[in-house]
Amino acid sequence: MTMFNKVTKTFQWGRHTVRMETGEVARQSTGAVLLDMEGTVVLATVVAAKTAKAGQDFFPLTVDYIEKTYAAGKIPGSFFKREAKP
């Protein structure tokens, strides 16, 4: 028996298989989706208040993007720190 309602959907996007999951990760956020497309994983989360601030006529949006150096193929340090000397 699980406490959380995990929903997983899988579909084809061209020749790629895409898997979307919600309900298991980032449970403190208002909404969260984990998207996996053949090894590339993206976590999208949304946090919102139940009510809008009085007198506010716009929707403030903040985007935080974090790319891990090892995921991009960039390892911090010099050549000799990541590979043996020839």
PDB file of N, CA and C in Angstrom:
ATOM      1  N   MET A   1       0.845  -1.186   0.000  1.00  0.00           N
ATOM      2  CA  MET A   1       0.000   0.000   0.000  1.00  0.00           C
ATOM      3  C   MET A   1       0.884   1.241   0.000  1.00  0.00           C
ATOM      4  N   THR A   2       0.605   2.197  -0.895  1.00  0.00           N
ATOM      5  CA  THR A   2       1.398   3.419  -0.950  1.00  0.00           C
ATOM      6  C   THR A   2       0.568   4.601  -0.475  1.00  0.00           C
ATOM      7  N   MET A   3       1.245   5.571   0.105  1.00  0.00           N
ATOM      8  CA  MET A   3       0.559   6.777   0.562  1.00  0.00           C
ATOM      9  C   MET A   3       0.338   7.761  -0.571  1.00  0.00           C
ATOM     10  N   PHE A   4       1.144   7.682  -1.607  1.00  0.00           N
ATOM     11  CA  PHE A   4       1.112   8.685  -2.655  1.00  0.00           C
ATOM     12  C   PHE A   4       0.585   8.081  -3.942  1.00  0.00           C
ATOM     13  N   ASN A   5      -0.078   8.898  -4.716  1.00  0.00           N
ATOM     14  CA  ASN A   5      -0.662   8.456  -5.970  1.00  0.00           C
ATOM     15  C   ASN A   5       0.335   8.715  -7.092  1.00  0.00           C
ATOM     16  N   LYS A   6       1.144   7.725  -7.408  1.00  0.00           N
ATOM     17  CA  LYS A   6       2.140   7.860  -8.469  1.00  0.00           C
ATOM     18  C   LYS A   6       1.468   7.583  -9.804  1.00  0.00           C
ATOM     19  N   VAL A   7       1.659   8.503 -10.744  1.00  0.00           N
ATOM     20  CA  VAL A   7       1.097   8.354 -12.082  1.00  0.00           C
ATOM     21  C   VAL A   7       2.250   8.353 -13.078  1.00  0.00           C
ATOM     22  N   THR A   8       2.293   7.350 -13.947  1.00  0.00           N
ATOM     23  CA  THR A   8       3.327   7.242 -14.972  1.00  0.00           C
ATOM     24  C   THR A   8       2.666   7.111 -16.332  1.00  0.00           C
ATOM     25  N   LYS A   9       3.085   7.933 -17.269  1.00  0.00           N
ATOM     26  CA  LYS A   9       2.595   7.877 -18.648  1.00  0.00           C
ATOM     27  C   LYS A   9       3.790   7.729 -19.572  1.00  0.00           C
ATOM     28  N   THR A  10       3.671   6.867 -20.556  1.00  0.00           N
ATOM     29  CA  THR A  10       4.720   6.650 -21.546  1.00  0.00           C
ATOM     30  C   THR A  10       4.130   6.852 -22.928  1.00  0.00           C
ATOM     31  N   PHE A  11       4.876   7.564 -23.791  1.00  0.00           N
ATOM     32  CA  PHE A  11       4.406   7.788 -25.157  1.00  0.00           C
ATOM     33  C   PHE A  11       5.597   7.924 -26.092  1.00  0.00           C
ATOM     34  N   GLN A  12       5.334   7.853 -27.366  1.00  0.00           N
ATOM     35  CA  GLN A  12       6.359   7.994 -28.393  1.00  0.00           C
ATOM     36  C   GLN A  12       6.397   9.442 -28.887  1.00  0.00           C
ATOM     37  N   TRP A  13       7.584   9.997 -29.003  1.00  0.00           N
ATOM     38  CA  TRP A  13       7.805  11.334 -29.564  1.00  0.00           C
ATOM     39  C   TRP A  13       8.774  11.135 -30.717  1.00  0.00           C
ATOM     40  N   GLY A  14       8.224  11.006 -31.913  1.00  0.00           N
ATOM     41  CA  GLY A  14       9.053  10.660 -33.057  1.00  0.00           C
ATOM     42  C   GLY A  14       9.594   9.259 -32.861  1.00  0.00           C
ATOM     43  N   ARG A  15      10.909   9.117 -32.867  1.00  0.00           N
ATOM     44  CA  ARG A  15      11.506   7.801 -32.625  1.00  0.00           C
ATOM     45  C   ARG A  15      11.952   7.619 -31.179  1.00  0.00           C
ATOM     46  N   HIS A  16      11.604   8.553 -30.311  1.00  0.00           N
ATOM     47  CA  HIS A  16      12.018   8.502 -28.907  1.00  0.00           C
ATOM     48  C   HIS A  16      10.864   8.057 -28.012  1.00  0.00           C
ATOM     49  N   THR A  17      11.203   7.359 -26.945  1.00  0.00           N
ATOM     50  CA  THR A  17      10.230   6.973 -25.928  1.00  0.00           C
ATOM     51  C   THR A  17      10.342   7.949 -24.765  1.00  0.00           C
ATOM     52  N   VAL A  18       9.220   8.549 -24.395  1.00  0.00           N
ATOM     53  CA  VAL A  18       9.184   9.545 -23.323  1.00  0.00           C
ATOM     54  C   VAL A  18       8.357   8.981 -22.171  1.00  0.00           C
ATOM     55  N   ARG A  19       8.896   9.104 -20.953  1.00  0.00           N
ATOM     56  CA  ARG A  19       8.184   8.655 -19.758  1.00  0.00           C
ATOM     57  C   ARG A  19       8.019   9.843 -18.817  1.00  0.00           C
ATOM     58  N   MET A  20       6.785  10.086 -18.379  1.00  0.00           N
ATOM     59  CA  MET A  20       6.482  11.170 -17.446  1.00  0.00           C
ATOM     60  C   MET A  20       5.950  10.560 -16.156  1.00  0.00           C
ATOM     61  N   GLU A  21       6.483  11.039 -15.023  1.00  0.00           N
ATOM     62  CA  GLU A  21       6.050  10.548 -13.713  1.00  0.00           C
ATOM     63  C   GLU A  21       5.694  11.724 -12.825  1.00  0.00           C
ATOM     64  N   THR A  22       4.679  11.543 -12.007  1.00  0.00           N
ATOM     65  CA  THR A  22       4.315  12.546 -11.015  1.00  0.00           C
ATOM     66  C   THR A  22       3.790  11.832  -9.771  1.00  0.00           C
ATOM     67  N   GLY A  23       3.843  12.517  -8.645  1.00  0.00           N
ATOM     68  CA  GLY A  23       3.302  11.970  -7.414  1.00  0.00           C
ATOM     69  C   GLY A  23       4.301  11.301  -6.498  1.00  0.00           C
ATOM     70  N   GLU A  24       5.547  11.161  -6.919  1.00  0.00           N
ATOM     71  CA  GLU A  24       6.525  10.469  -6.077  1.00  0.00           C
ATOM     72  C   GLU A  24       7.678  11.375  -5.643  1.00  0.00           C
ATOM     73  N   VAL A  25       8.163  12.248  -6.515  1.00  0.00           N
ATOM     74  CA  VAL A  25       9.287  13.122  -6.176  1.00  0.00           C
ATOM     75  C   VAL A  25       8.786  14.542  -5.944  1.00  0.00           C
ATOM     76  N   ALA A  26       9.536  15.310  -5.180  1.00  0.00           N
ATOM     77  CA  ALA A  26       9.244  16.726  -4.887  1.00  0.00           C
ATOM     78  C   ALA A  26       7.823  16.892  -4.359  1.00  0.00           C
ATOM     79  N   ARG A  27       7.493  16.142  -3.331  1.00  0.00           N
ATOM     80  CA  ARG A  27       6.122  16.146  -2.816  1.00  0.00           C
ATOM     81  C   ARG A  27       5.764  17.428  -2.073  1.00  0.00           C
ATOM     82  N   GLN A  28       6.751  18.227  -1.678  1.00  0.00           N
ATOM     83  CA  GLN A  28       6.438  19.475  -0.987  1.00  0.00           C
ATOM     84  C   GLN A  28       6.077  20.589  -1.963  1.00  0.00           C
ATOM     85  N   SER A  29       6.303  20.386  -3.243  1.00  0.00           N
ATOM     86  CA  SER A  29       5.941  21.403  -4.229  1.00  0.00           C
ATOM     87  C   SER A  29       4.464  21.266  -4.584  1.00  0.00           C
ATOM     88  N   THR A  30       3.911  22.320  -5.177  1.00  0.00           N
ATOM     89  CA  THR A  30       2.517  22.288  -5.596  1.00  0.00           C
ATOM     90  C   THR A  30       2.312  21.267  -6.708  1.00  0.00           C
ATOM     91  N   GLY A  31       3.277  21.169  -7.600  1.00  0.00           N
ATOM     92  CA  GLY A  31       3.220  20.189  -8.679  1.00  0.00           C
ATOM     93  C   GLY A  31       4.623  19.844  -9.138  1.00  0.00           C
ATOM     94  N   ALA A  32       4.836  18.595  -9.540  1.00  0.00           N
ATOM     95  CA  ALA A  32       6.158  18.167 -10.002  1.00  0.00           C
ATOM     96  C   ALA A  32       6.001  17.060 -11.032  1.00  0.00           C
ATOM     97  N   VAL A  33       6.809  17.137 -12.085  1.00  0.00           N
ATOM     98  CA  VAL A  33       6.815  16.113 -13.127  1.00  0.00           C
ATOM     99  C   VAL A  33       8.262  15.738 -13.407  1.00  0.00           C
ATOM    100  N   LEU A  34       8.532  14.448 -13.460  1.00  0.00           N
ATOM    101  CA  LEU A  34       9.839  13.924 -13.820  1.00  0.00           C
ATOM    102  C   LEU A  34       9.716  13.363 -15.227  1.00  0.00           C
ATOM    103  N   LEU A  35      10.463  13.933 -16.159  1.00  0.00           N
ATOM    104  CA  LEU A  35      10.392  13.543 -17.560  1.00  0.00           C
ATOM    105  C   LEU A  35      11.681  12.838 -17.937  1.00  0.00           C
ATOM    106  N   ASP A  36      11.571  11.671 -18.543  1.00  0.00           N
ATOM    107  CA  ASP A  36      12.734  10.877 -18.945  1.00  0.00           C
ATOM    108  C   ASP A  36      12.594  10.533 -20.420  1.00  0.00           C
ATOM    109  N   MET A  37      13.591  10.964 -21.207  1.00  0.00           N
ATOM    110  CA  MET A  37      13.598  10.634 -22.627  1.00  0.00           C
ATOM    111  C   MET A  37      14.936   9.998 -22.951  1.00  0.00           C
ATOM    112  N   GLU A  38      14.963   8.680 -22.919  1.00  0.00           N
ATOM    113  CA  GLU A  38      16.130   7.888 -23.282  1.00  0.00           C
ATOM    114  C   GLU A  38      17.396   8.307 -22.536  1.00  0.00           C
ATOM    115  N   GLY A  39      17.294   8.419 -21.216  1.00  0.00           N
ATOM    116  CA  GLY A  39      18.468   8.722 -20.407  1.00  0.00           C
ATOM    117  C   GLY A  39      18.619  10.176 -20.018  1.00  0.00           C
ATOM    118  N   THR A  40      17.946  11.082 -20.706  1.00  0.00           N
ATOM    119  CA  THR A  40      17.962  12.486 -20.320  1.00  0.00           C
ATOM    120  C   THR A  40      16.764  12.727 -19.415  1.00  0.00           C
ATOM    121  N   VAL A  41      17.026  13.194 -18.189  1.00  0.00           N
ATOM    122  CA  VAL A  41      15.969  13.348 -17.196  1.00  0.00           C
ATOM    123  C   VAL A  41      15.842  14.819 -16.820  1.00  0.00           C
ATOM    124  N   VAL A  42      14.598  15.314 -16.793  1.00  0.00           N
ATOM    125  CA  VAL A  42      14.310  16.697 -16.409  1.00  0.00           C
ATOM    126  C   VAL A  42      13.261  16.665 -15.307  1.00  0.00           C
ATOM    127  N   LEU A  43      13.512  17.403 -14.226  1.00  0.00           N
ATOM    128  CA  LEU A  43      12.540  17.554 -13.148  1.00  0.00           C
ATOM    129  C   LEU A  43      11.988  18.967 -13.221  1.00  0.00           C
ATOM    130  N   ALA A  44      10.678  19.089 -13.415  1.00  0.00           N
ATOM    131  CA  ALA A  44      10.019  20.395 -13.452  1.00  0.00           C
ATOM    132  C   ALA A  44       9.092  20.493 -12.249  1.00  0.00           C
ATOM    133  N   THR A  45       9.269  21.542 -11.448  1.00  0.00           N
ATOM    134  CA  THR A  45       8.433  21.726 -10.265  1.00  0.00           C
ATOM    135  C   THR A  45       7.781  23.096 -10.294  1.00  0.00           C
ATOM    136  N   VAL A  46       6.634  23.197  -9.631  1.00  0.00           N
ATOM    137  CA  VAL A  46       5.898  24.455  -9.516  1.00  0.00           C
ATOM    138  C   VAL A  46       5.505  24.630  -8.060  1.00  0.00           C
ATOM    139  N   VAL A  47       5.727  25.828  -7.537  1.00  0.00           N
ATOM    140  CA  VAL A  47       5.292  26.164  -6.190  1.00  0.00           C
ATOM    141  C   VAL A  47       4.470  27.436  -6.286  1.00  0.00           C
ATOM    142  N   ALA A  48       3.253  27.401  -5.761  1.00  0.00           N
ATOM    143  CA  ALA A  48       2.359  28.555  -5.844  1.00  0.00           C
ATOM    144  C   ALA A  48       1.579  28.687  -4.540  1.00  0.00           C
ATOM    145  N   ALA A  49       1.187  29.911  -4.233  1.00  0.00           N
ATOM    146  CA  ALA A  49       0.355  30.158  -3.059  1.00  0.00           C
ATOM    147  C   ALA A  49      -1.099  29.849  -3.403  1.00  0.00           C
ATOM    148  N   LYS A  50      -1.885  29.574  -2.387  1.00  0.00           N
ATOM    149  CA  LYS A  50      -3.304  29.275  -2.613  1.00  0.00           C
ATOM    150  C   LYS A  50      -4.074  30.508  -3.071  1.00  0.00           C
ATOM    151  N   THR A  51      -3.663  31.677  -2.595  1.00  0.00           N
ATOM    152  CA  THR A  51      -4.349  32.919  -2.972  1.00  0.00           C
ATOM    153  C   THR A  51      -3.334  33.922  -3.508  1.00  0.00           C
ATOM    154  N   ALA A  52      -3.800  34.801  -4.389  1.00  0.00           N
ATOM    155  CA  ALA A  52      -2.933  35.837  -4.962  1.00  0.00           C
ATOM    156  C   ALA A  52      -2.799  37.002  -3.984  1.00  0.00           C
ATOM    157  N   LYS A  53      -1.686  37.731  -4.103  1.00  0.00           N
ATOM    158  CA  LYS A  53      -1.495  38.923  -3.282  1.00  0.00           C
ATOM    159  C   LYS A  53      -2.436  40.020  -3.763  1.00  0.00           C
ATOM    160  N   ALA A  54      -2.933  40.793  -2.837  1.00  0.00           N
ATOM    161  CA  ALA A  54      -3.844  41.884  -3.187  1.00  0.00           C
ATOM    162  C   ALA A  54      -3.114  42.940  -4.004  1.00  0.00           C
ATOM    163  N   GLY A  55      -3.726  43.395  -5.094  1.00  0.00           N
ATOM    164  CA  GLY A  55      -3.157  44.444  -5.926  1.00  0.00           C
ATOM    165  C   GLY A  55      -2.102  43.965  -6.902  1.00  0.00           C
ATOM    166  N   GLN A  56      -1.855  42.697  -6.979  1.00  0.00           N
ATOM    167  CA  GLN A  56      -0.839  42.171  -7.897  1.00  0.00           C
ATOM    168  C   GLN A  56      -1.524  41.730  -9.186  1.00  0.00           C
ATOM    169  N   ASP A  57      -1.160  42.380 -10.302  1.00  0.00           N
ATOM    170  CA  ASP A  57      -1.821  42.088 -11.579  1.00  0.00           C
ATOM    171  C   ASP A  57      -0.911  41.334 -12.549  1.00  0.00           C
ATOM    172  N   PHE A  58       0.122  40.666 -12.031  1.00  0.00           N
ATOM    173  CA  PHE A  58       1.010  39.885 -12.885  1.00  0.00           C
ATOM    174  C   PHE A  58       1.385  38.603 -12.146  1.00  0.00           C
ATOM    175  N   PHE A  59       1.964  37.683 -12.878  1.00  0.00           N
ATOM    176  CA  PHE A  59       2.381  36.404 -12.303  1.00  0.00           C
ATOM    177  C   PHE A  59       3.896  36.362 -12.260  1.00  0.00           C
ATOM    178  N   PRO A  60       4.505  36.496 -11.078  1.00  0.00           N
ATOM    179  CA  PRO A  60       5.964  36.455 -10.997  1.00  0.00           C
ATOM    180  C   PRO A  60       6.474  35.041 -11.299  1.00  0.00           C
ATOM    181  N   LEU A  61       7.529  34.966 -12.085  1.00  0.00           N
ATOM    182  CA  LEU A  61       8.072  33.676 -12.486  1.00  0.00           C
ATOM    183  C   LEU A  61       9.576  33.668 -12.267  1.00  0.00           C
ATOM    184  N   THR A  62      10.061  32.627 -11.641  1.00  0.00           N
ATOM    185  CA  THR A  62      11.491  32.438 -11.445  1.00  0.00           C
ATOM    186  C   THR A  62      11.882  31.093 -12.036  1.00  0.00           C
ATOM    187  N   VAL A  63      12.947  31.080 -12.825  1.00  0.00           N
ATOM    188  CA  VAL A  63      13.432  29.845 -13.424  1.00  0.00           C
ATOM    189  C   VAL A  63      14.839  29.591 -12.899  1.00  0.00           C
ATOM    190  N   ASP A  64      15.045  28.437 -12.294  1.00  0.00           N
ATOM    191  CA  ASP A  64      16.360  28.018 -11.812  1.00  0.00           C
ATOM    192  C   ASP A  64      16.820  26.860 -12.676  1.00  0.00           C
ATOM    193  N   TYR A  65      17.960  27.030 -13.341  1.00  0.00           N
ATOM    194  CA  TYR A  65      18.505  25.994 -14.215  1.00  0.00           C
ATOM    195  C   TYR A  65      19.843  25.560 -13.657  1.00  0.00           C
ATOM    196  N   ILE A  66      19.990  24.283 -13.405  1.00  0.00           N
ATOM    197  CA  ILE A  66      21.239  23.750 -12.873  1.00  0.00           C
ATOM    198  C   ILE A  66      21.683  22.611 -13.777  1.00  0.00           C
ATOM    199  N   GLU A  67      22.870  22.751 -14.352  1.00  0.00           N
ATOM    200  CA  GLU A  67      23.433  21.684 -15.167  1.00  0.00           C
ATOM    201  C   GLU A  67      24.675  21.178 -14.462  1.00  0.00           C
ATOM    202  N   LYS A  68      24.659  19.935 -14.097  1.00  0.00           N
ATOM    203  CA  LYS A  68      25.806  19.340 -13.425  1.00  0.00           C
ATOM    204  C   LYS A  68      26.961  19.234 -14.406  1.00  0.00           C
ATOM    205  N   THR A  69      28.168  19.515 -13.942  1.00  0.00           N
ATOM    206  CA  THR A  69      29.319  19.515 -14.846  1.00  0.00           C
ATOM    207  C   THR A  69      29.599  18.140 -15.413  1.00  0.00           C
ATOM    208  N   TYR A  70      29.396  17.111 -14.618  1.00  0.00           N
ATOM    209  CA  TYR A  70      29.661  15.777 -15.147  1.00  0.00           C
ATOM    210  C   TYR A  70      28.619  15.374 -16.178  1.00  0.00           C
ATOM    211  N   ALA A  71      27.394  15.897 -16.069  1.00  0.00           N
ATOM    212  CA  ALA A  71      26.354  15.581 -17.047  1.00  0.00           C
ATOM    213  C   ALA A  71      26.639  16.248 -18.383  1.00  0.00           C
ATOM    214  N   ALA A  72      27.308  17.385 -18.352  1.00  0.00           N
ATOM    215  CA  ALA A  72      27.629  18.108 -19.583  1.00  0.00           C
ATOM    216  C   ALA A  72      28.949  17.641 -20.177  1.00  0.00           C
ATOM    217  N   GLY A  73      29.619  16.716 -19.505  1.00  0.00           N
ATOM    218  CA  GLY A  73      30.908  16.245 -19.992  1.00  0.00           C
ATOM    219  C   GLY A  73      32.051  17.149 -19.591  1.00  0.00           C
ATOM    220  N   LYS A  74      31.794  18.079 -18.673  1.00  0.00           N
ATOM    221  CA  LYS A  74      32.831  19.001 -18.206  1.00  0.00           C
ATOM    222  C   LYS A  74      33.196  18.613 -16.780  1.00  0.00           C
ATOM    223  N   ILE A  75      34.398  18.177 -16.579  1.00  0.00           N
ATOM    224  CA  ILE A  75      34.858  17.798 -15.252  1.00  0.00           C
ATOM    225  C   ILE A  75      35.784  18.901 -14.768  1.00  0.00           C
ATOM    226  N   PRO A  76      35.492  19.522 -13.604  1.00  0.00           N
ATOM    227  CA  PRO A  76      36.351  20.603 -13.138  1.00  0.00           C
ATOM    228  C   PRO A  76      37.777  20.120 -12.874  1.00  0.00           C
ATOM    229  N   GLY A  77      38.721  20.957 -13.179  1.00  0.00           N
ATOM    230  CA  GLY A  77      40.119  20.612 -12.969  1.00  0.00           C
ATOM    231  C   GLY A  77      40.860  20.563 -14.285  1.00  0.00           C
ATOM    232  N   SER A  78      42.111  20.232 -14.197  1.00  0.00           N
ATOM    233  CA  SER A  78      42.945  20.209 -15.395  1.00  0.00           C
ATOM    234  C   SER A  78      42.893  18.840 -16.070  1.00  0.00           C
ATOM    235  N   PHE A  79      43.592  18.732 -17.182  1.00  0.00           N
ATOM    236  CA  PHE A  79      43.662  17.486 -17.941  1.00  0.00           C
ATOM    237  C   PHE A  79      44.221  16.356 -17.086  1.00  0.00           C
ATOM    238  N   PHE A  80      45.223  16.667 -16.291  1.00  0.00           N
ATOM    239  CA  PHE A  80      45.900  15.635 -15.508  1.00  0.00           C
ATOM    240  C   PHE A  80      45.048  15.150 -14.339  1.00  0.00           C
ATOM    241  N   LYS A  81      44.077  15.923 -13.902  1.00  0.00           N
ATOM    242  CA  LYS A  81      43.220  15.480 -12.812  1.00  0.00           C
ATOM    243  C   LYS A  81      42.168  14.487 -13.287  1.00  0.00           C
ATOM    244  N   ARG A  82      41.830  14.514 -14.551  1.00  0.00           N
ATOM    245  CA  ARG A  82      40.774  13.633 -15.019  1.00  0.00           C
ATOM    246  C   ARG A  82      41.274  12.473 -15.849  1.00  0.00           C
ATOM    247  N   GLU A  83      42.493  12.555 -16.360  1.00  0.00           N
ATOM    248  CA  GLU A  83      43.051  11.462 -17.136  1.00  0.00           C
ATOM    249  C   GLU A  83      44.503  11.251 -16.722  1.00  0.00           C
ATOM    250  N   ALA A  84      44.961  10.027 -16.870  1.00  0.00           N
ATOM    251  CA  ALA A  84      46.348   9.728 -16.513  1.00  0.00           C
ATOM    252  C   ALA A  84      47.298  10.350 -17.526  1.00  0.00           C
ATOM    253  N   LYS A  85      48.519  10.601 -17.085  1.00  0.00           N
ATOM    254  CA  LYS A  85      49.521  11.163 -17.996  1.00  0.00           C
ATOM    255  C   LYS A  85      49.854  10.147 -19.077  1.00  0.00           C
ATOM    256  N   PRO A  86      50.120  10.621 -20.293  1.00  0.00           N
ATOM    257  CA  PRO A  86      50.446   9.682 -21.378  1.00  0.00           C
ATOM    258  C   PRO A  86      51.784   9.018 -21.184  1.00  0.00           C
TER     259      PRO A  86
END
